[in-house]
């Protein structure tokens, strides 16, 4: 089951104009909340956005690379609290991947927009823009946005021969599989 998920999940560039059922959104949120985190500290928070005008505004969070958010049915904004754990960024990344696999398992597509260390404009970072837009408390840092919806295109999975096995070493760097 997981093997099929990992083999077929790809980032979606085009979303169908179709709402996502509340039960599916709830299942995705539950999956995110069940994500592993260092020492089980769970330093993440999630903002689920379904409002069309907010999705449009989120799509403007950085100069390029988030425009697809406006066409998604749902966006999950993944935020972290570094005061809870120094592994906040890593834990949020794990939750983001869990969110994407959960969406795929429900017949949905997703795409990730990384926001950390991006500029919205000369005066504001992308994370500050999103934090202001969503009314986040200062302690939370926006890590990324996961756009989710029904795929409006078919994404072809990587073929096994396209995988970069030359980036894998065994026991010592550069050592190939025995």
C-alpha atoms as a PDB file:
ATOM      1  CA  UNK A   1       0.000   0.000   0.000  1.00  0.00           C
ATOM      2  CA  UNK A   2       2.682   2.546   0.972  1.00  0.00           C
ATOM      3  CA  UNK A   3       4.850   1.353  -1.887  1.00  0.00           C
ATOM      4  CA  UNK A   4       2.106   2.295  -4.341  1.00  0.00           C
ATOM      5  CA  UNK A   5       1.768   5.722  -2.681  1.00  0.00           C
ATOM      6  CA  UNK A   6       5.468   6.472  -2.938  1.00  0.00           C
ATOM      7  CA  UNK A   7       5.669   5.201  -6.500  1.00  0.00           C
ATOM      8  CA  UNK A   8       2.714   7.238  -7.777  1.00  0.00           C
ATOM      9  CA  UNK A   9       2.730  10.485  -5.769  1.00  0.00           C
ATOM     10  CA  UNK A  10       3.920  13.479  -7.786  1.00  0.00           C
ATOM     11  CA  UNK A  11       3.449  17.192  -7.332  1.00  0.00           C
ATOM     12  CA  UNK A  12       0.356  18.471  -9.102  1.00  0.00           C
ATOM     13  CA  UNK A  13       0.682  21.594 -11.214  1.00  0.00           C
ATOM     14  CA  UNK A  14      -2.984  21.836 -12.263  1.00  0.00           C
ATOM     15  CA  UNK A  15      -5.934  21.384  -9.926  1.00  0.00           C
ATOM     16  CA  UNK A  16      -9.483  20.590 -11.040  1.00  0.00           C
ATOM     17  CA  UNK A  17     -12.160  23.125 -10.119  1.00  0.00           C
ATOM     18  CA  UNK A  18     -13.777  20.835  -7.570  1.00  0.00           C
ATOM     19  CA  UNK A  19     -14.151  21.143  -3.780  1.00  0.00           C
ATOM     20  CA  UNK A  20     -12.590  18.619  -1.429  1.00  0.00           C
ATOM     21  CA  UNK A  21     -15.032  16.876   0.887  1.00  0.00           C
ATOM     22  CA  UNK A  22     -14.874  17.804   4.572  1.00  0.00           C
ATOM     23  CA  UNK A  23     -14.228  14.178   5.568  1.00  0.00           C
ATOM     24  CA  UNK A  24     -11.118  14.085   3.389  1.00  0.00           C
ATOM     25  CA  UNK A  25      -9.861  17.372   4.848  1.00  0.00           C
ATOM     26  CA  UNK A  26     -10.416  15.971   8.346  1.00  0.00           C
ATOM     27  CA  UNK A  27      -8.465  12.799   7.449  1.00  0.00           C
ATOM     28  CA  UNK A  28      -5.558  14.880   6.130  1.00  0.00           C
ATOM     29  CA  UNK A  29      -5.515  16.980   9.296  1.00  0.00           C
ATOM     30  CA  UNK A  30      -5.530  13.834  11.422  1.00  0.00           C
ATOM     31  CA  UNK A  31      -2.603  12.432   9.436  1.00  0.00           C
ATOM     32  CA  UNK A  32      -0.654  15.670   9.953  1.00  0.00           C
ATOM     33  CA  UNK A  33      -1.367  15.576  13.681  1.00  0.00           C
ATOM     34  CA  UNK A  34      -0.091  11.983  13.813  1.00  0.00           C
ATOM     35  CA  UNK A  35       3.223  12.919  12.174  1.00  0.00           C
ATOM     36  CA  UNK A  36       6.381  11.869  13.956  1.00  0.00           C
ATOM     37  CA  UNK A  37       8.347  14.600  15.712  1.00  0.00           C
ATOM     38  CA  UNK A  38      11.543  14.729  17.727  1.00  0.00           C
ATOM     39  CA  UNK A  39      10.889  13.595  21.308  1.00  0.00           C
ATOM     40  CA  UNK A  40       7.156  13.731  20.430  1.00  0.00           C
ATOM     41  CA  UNK A  41       7.171  17.481  21.138  1.00  0.00           C
ATOM     42  CA  UNK A  42       4.962  18.260  18.121  1.00  0.00           C
ATOM     43  CA  UNK A  43       6.076  21.881  17.628  1.00  0.00           C
ATOM     44  CA  UNK A  44       3.836  22.360  14.598  1.00  0.00           C
ATOM     45  CA  UNK A  45       0.526  24.087  14.062  1.00  0.00           C
ATOM     46  CA  UNK A  46      -1.620  23.976  10.936  1.00  0.00           C
ATOM     47  CA  UNK A  47      -3.948  26.494   9.365  1.00  0.00           C
ATOM     48  CA  UNK A  48      -6.394  24.912   6.919  1.00  0.00           C
ATOM     49  CA  UNK A  49      -7.507  27.413   4.299  1.00  0.00           C
ATOM     50  CA  UNK A  50     -10.522  26.847   2.056  1.00  0.00           C
ATOM     51  CA  UNK A  51     -11.591  30.472   1.557  1.00  0.00           C
ATOM     52  CA  UNK A  52     -11.041  31.405  -2.112  1.00  0.00           C
ATOM     53  CA  UNK A  53      -9.914  34.961  -1.400  1.00  0.00           C
ATOM     54  CA  UNK A  54      -7.358  33.731   1.153  1.00  0.00           C
ATOM     55  CA  UNK A  55      -6.085  31.073  -1.281  1.00  0.00           C
ATOM     56  CA  UNK A  56      -5.586  33.831  -3.854  1.00  0.00           C
ATOM     57  CA  UNK A  57      -3.659  35.951  -1.343  1.00  0.00           C
ATOM     58  CA  UNK A  58      -1.546  32.974  -0.247  1.00  0.00           C
ATOM     59  CA  UNK A  59      -0.591  32.405  -3.892  1.00  0.00           C
ATOM     60  CA  UNK A  60       1.117  35.810  -3.823  1.00  0.00           C
ATOM     61  CA  UNK A  61       3.312  34.965  -0.810  1.00  0.00           C
ATOM     62  CA  UNK A  62       6.508  34.895  -2.865  1.00  0.00           C
ATOM     63  CA  UNK A  63       7.491  36.209  -6.298  1.00  0.00           C
ATOM     64  CA  UNK A  64       7.398  32.775  -7.949  1.00  0.00           C
ATOM     65  CA  UNK A  65       6.624  29.265  -6.844  1.00  0.00           C
ATOM     66  CA  UNK A  66       3.305  29.665  -5.020  1.00  0.00           C
ATOM     67  CA  UNK A  67       0.945  30.790  -7.790  1.00  0.00           C
ATOM     68  CA  UNK A  68      -0.668  27.326  -7.985  1.00  0.00           C
ATOM     69  CA  UNK A  69      -2.145  27.778  -4.485  1.00  0.00           C
ATOM     70  CA  UNK A  70      -4.936  29.995  -5.869  1.00  0.00           C
ATOM     71  CA  UNK A  71      -6.330  27.074  -7.897  1.00  0.00           C
ATOM     72  CA  UNK A  72      -6.221  24.515  -5.082  1.00  0.00           C
ATOM     73  CA  UNK A  73      -9.368  23.666  -3.135  1.00  0.00           C
ATOM     74  CA  UNK A  74      -7.482  23.605   0.156  1.00  0.00           C
ATOM     75  CA  UNK A  75      -4.180  24.847   1.496  1.00  0.00           C
ATOM     76  CA  UNK A  76      -2.559  23.627   4.677  1.00  0.00           C
ATOM     77  CA  UNK A  77      -0.170  26.222   6.053  1.00  0.00           C
ATOM     78  CA  UNK A  78       2.428  24.435   8.147  1.00  0.00           C
ATOM     79  CA  UNK A  79       3.780  26.550  11.005  1.00  0.00           C
ATOM     80  CA  UNK A  80       6.332  25.780  13.672  1.00  0.00           C
ATOM     81  CA  UNK A  81       7.071  26.960  17.171  1.00  0.00           C
ATOM     82  CA  UNK A  82      10.862  27.037  17.667  1.00  0.00           C
ATOM     83  CA  UNK A  83      10.390  27.682  21.396  1.00  0.00           C
ATOM     84  CA  UNK A  84       9.026  24.137  21.728  1.00  0.00           C
ATOM     85  CA  UNK A  85      11.802  22.359  19.851  1.00  0.00           C
ATOM     86  CA  UNK A  86      15.022  23.164  18.067  1.00  0.00           C
ATOM     87  CA  UNK A  87      13.918  20.539  15.536  1.00  0.00           C
ATOM     88  CA  UNK A  88      10.885  22.609  14.611  1.00  0.00           C
ATOM     89  CA  UNK A  89      11.808  22.942  10.908  1.00  0.00           C
ATOM     90  CA  UNK A  90      12.536  19.236  10.545  1.00  0.00           C
ATOM     91  CA  UNK A  91       9.349  18.256  12.368  1.00  0.00           C
ATOM     92  CA  UNK A  92       7.304  20.581  10.152  1.00  0.00           C
ATOM     93  CA  UNK A  93       8.905  19.068   7.054  1.00  0.00           C
ATOM     94  CA  UNK A  94       7.897  15.595   8.234  1.00  0.00           C
ATOM     95  CA  UNK A  95       4.332  16.818   8.829  1.00  0.00           C
ATOM     96  CA  UNK A  96       4.272  18.386   5.357  1.00  0.00           C
ATOM     97  CA  UNK A  97       5.288  15.121   3.691  1.00  0.00           C
ATOM     98  CA  UNK A  98       2.767  13.199   5.797  1.00  0.00           C
ATOM     99  CA  UNK A  99       0.107  15.664   4.638  1.00  0.00           C
ATOM    100  CA  UNK A 100       1.024  15.101   0.987  1.00  0.00           C
ATOM    101  CA  UNK A 101       0.958  11.307   1.257  1.00  0.00           C
ATOM    102  CA  UNK A 102      -2.367  11.462   3.118  1.00  0.00           C
ATOM    103  CA  UNK A 103      -3.843  13.623   0.352  1.00  0.00           C
ATOM    104  CA  UNK A 104      -2.594  11.225  -2.314  1.00  0.00           C
ATOM    105  CA  UNK A 105      -4.024   8.224  -0.479  1.00  0.00           C
ATOM    106  CA  UNK A 106      -7.443   9.909  -0.671  1.00  0.00           C
ATOM    107  CA  UNK A 107      -7.289  10.434  -4.440  1.00  0.00           C
ATOM    108  CA  UNK A 108      -6.137  14.039  -4.148  1.00  0.00           C
ATOM    109  CA  UNK A 109      -3.113  15.828  -5.509  1.00  0.00           C
ATOM    110  CA  UNK A 110      -0.815  18.223  -3.715  1.00  0.00           C
ATOM    111  CA  UNK A 111       2.078  20.567  -4.239  1.00  0.00           C
ATOM    112  CA  UNK A 112       4.475  22.124  -1.765  1.00  0.00           C
ATOM    113  CA  UNK A 113       5.445  25.816  -1.607  1.00  0.00           C
ATOM    114  CA  UNK A 114       8.455  26.493   0.596  1.00  0.00           C
ATOM    115  CA  UNK A 115       8.353  29.936   2.220  1.00  0.00           C
ATOM    116  CA  UNK A 116      11.232  30.179   4.661  1.00  0.00           C
ATOM    117  CA  UNK A 117      13.925  32.675   3.634  1.00  0.00           C
ATOM    118  CA  UNK A 118      11.861  34.149   0.778  1.00  0.00           C
ATOM    119  CA  UNK A 119      10.888  37.782   0.329  1.00  0.00           C
ATOM    120  CA  UNK A 120       7.330  38.966  -0.269  1.00  0.00           C
ATOM    121  CA  UNK A 121       8.545  42.494  -1.033  1.00  0.00           C
ATOM    122  CA  UNK A 122      11.358  44.854   0.034  1.00  0.00           C
ATOM    123  CA  UNK A 123       9.808  45.399   3.460  1.00  0.00           C
ATOM    124  CA  UNK A 124       8.405  41.973   4.336  1.00  0.00           C
ATOM    125  CA  UNK A 125       9.402  38.320   4.131  1.00  0.00           C
ATOM    126  CA  UNK A 126       7.047  35.716   2.714  1.00  0.00           C
ATOM    127  CA  UNK A 127       6.594  34.211   6.167  1.00  0.00           C
ATOM    128  CA  UNK A 128       5.716  37.620   7.663  1.00  0.00           C
ATOM    129  CA  UNK A 129       3.188  38.208   4.886  1.00  0.00           C
ATOM    130  CA  UNK A 130       1.446  34.877   5.539  1.00  0.00           C
ATOM    131  CA  UNK A 131       1.629  35.318   9.328  1.00  0.00           C
ATOM    132  CA  UNK A 132      -0.062  38.727   9.025  1.00  0.00           C
ATOM    133  CA  UNK A 133      -2.631  37.400   6.545  1.00  0.00           C
ATOM    134  CA  UNK A 134      -3.641  34.520   8.841  1.00  0.00           C
ATOM    135  CA  UNK A 135      -3.297  36.360  12.166  1.00  0.00           C
ATOM    136  CA  UNK A 136      -0.608  34.033  13.523  1.00  0.00           C
ATOM    137  CA  UNK A 137       0.911  34.659  16.949  1.00  0.00           C
ATOM    138  CA  UNK A 138       4.518  35.882  16.840  1.00  0.00           C
ATOM    139  CA  UNK A 139       5.892  32.625  18.246  1.00  0.00           C
ATOM    140  CA  UNK A 140       4.852  30.682  15.115  1.00  0.00           C
ATOM    141  CA  UNK A 141       7.011  30.643  11.999  1.00  0.00           C
ATOM    142  CA  UNK A 142       5.479  29.768   8.653  1.00  0.00           C
ATOM    143  CA  UNK A 143       7.381  26.891   7.097  1.00  0.00           C
ATOM    144  CA  UNK A 144       5.441  26.027   3.951  1.00  0.00           C
ATOM    145  CA  UNK A 145       2.084  25.782   2.239  1.00  0.00           C
ATOM    146  CA  UNK A 146       0.690  22.481   0.970  1.00  0.00           C
ATOM    147  CA  UNK A 147      -1.839  23.092  -1.821  1.00  0.00           C
ATOM    148  CA  UNK A 148      -4.364  20.259  -2.114  1.00  0.00           C
ATOM    149  CA  UNK A 149      -7.155  19.426  -4.522  1.00  0.00           C
ATOM    150  CA  UNK A 150      -8.382  17.007  -7.118  1.00  0.00           C
ATOM    151  CA  UNK A 151      -5.794  16.656  -9.882  1.00  0.00           C
ATOM    152  CA  UNK A 152      -6.590  18.476 -13.090  1.00  0.00           C
ATOM    153  CA  UNK A 153      -3.852  16.562 -14.865  1.00  0.00           C
ATOM    154  CA  UNK A 154      -2.283  13.150 -14.766  1.00  0.00           C
ATOM    155  CA  UNK A 155       1.231  13.110 -13.411  1.00  0.00           C
ATOM    156  CA  UNK A 156       3.415  10.311 -14.679  1.00  0.00           C
ATOM    157  CA  UNK A 157       5.343   8.597 -11.869  1.00  0.00           C
ATOM    158  CA  UNK A 158       9.102   8.355 -12.054  1.00  0.00           C
ATOM    159  CA  UNK A 159      10.219   5.144 -13.684  1.00  0.00           C
ATOM    160  CA  UNK A 160      12.586   3.070 -11.569  1.00  0.00           C
ATOM    161  CA  UNK A 161      15.429   3.778 -14.002  1.00  0.00           C
ATOM    162  CA  UNK A 162      14.918   7.524 -13.387  1.00  0.00           C
ATOM    163  CA  UNK A 163      15.690   7.177  -9.687  1.00  0.00           C
ATOM    164  CA  UNK A 164      19.109   8.500  -8.697  1.00  0.00           C
ATOM    165  CA  UNK A 165      20.653   5.382  -7.218  1.00  0.00           C
ATOM    166  CA  UNK A 166      24.123   6.869  -7.759  1.00  0.00           C
ATOM    167  CA  UNK A 167      23.320   9.113  -4.767  1.00  0.00           C
ATOM    168  CA  UNK A 168      23.129   6.092  -2.449  1.00  0.00           C
ATOM    169  CA  UNK A 169      26.170   4.727  -0.638  1.00  0.00           C
ATOM    170  CA  UNK A 170      26.451   1.684   1.623  1.00  0.00           C
ATOM    171  CA  UNK A 171      28.449   1.726   4.862  1.00  0.00           C
ATOM    172  CA  UNK A 172      30.802   4.475   3.591  1.00  0.00           C
ATOM    173  CA  UNK A 173      30.247   7.358   1.224  1.00  0.00           C
ATOM    174  CA  UNK A 174      30.895   6.345  -2.355  1.00  0.00           C
ATOM    175  CA  UNK A 175      30.685   2.620  -1.624  1.00  0.00           C
ATOM    176  CA  UNK A 176      28.197   0.843  -3.840  1.00  0.00           C
ATOM    177  CA  UNK A 177      25.832  -1.900  -2.794  1.00  0.00           C
ATOM    178  CA  UNK A 178      27.717  -5.128  -2.059  1.00  0.00           C
END
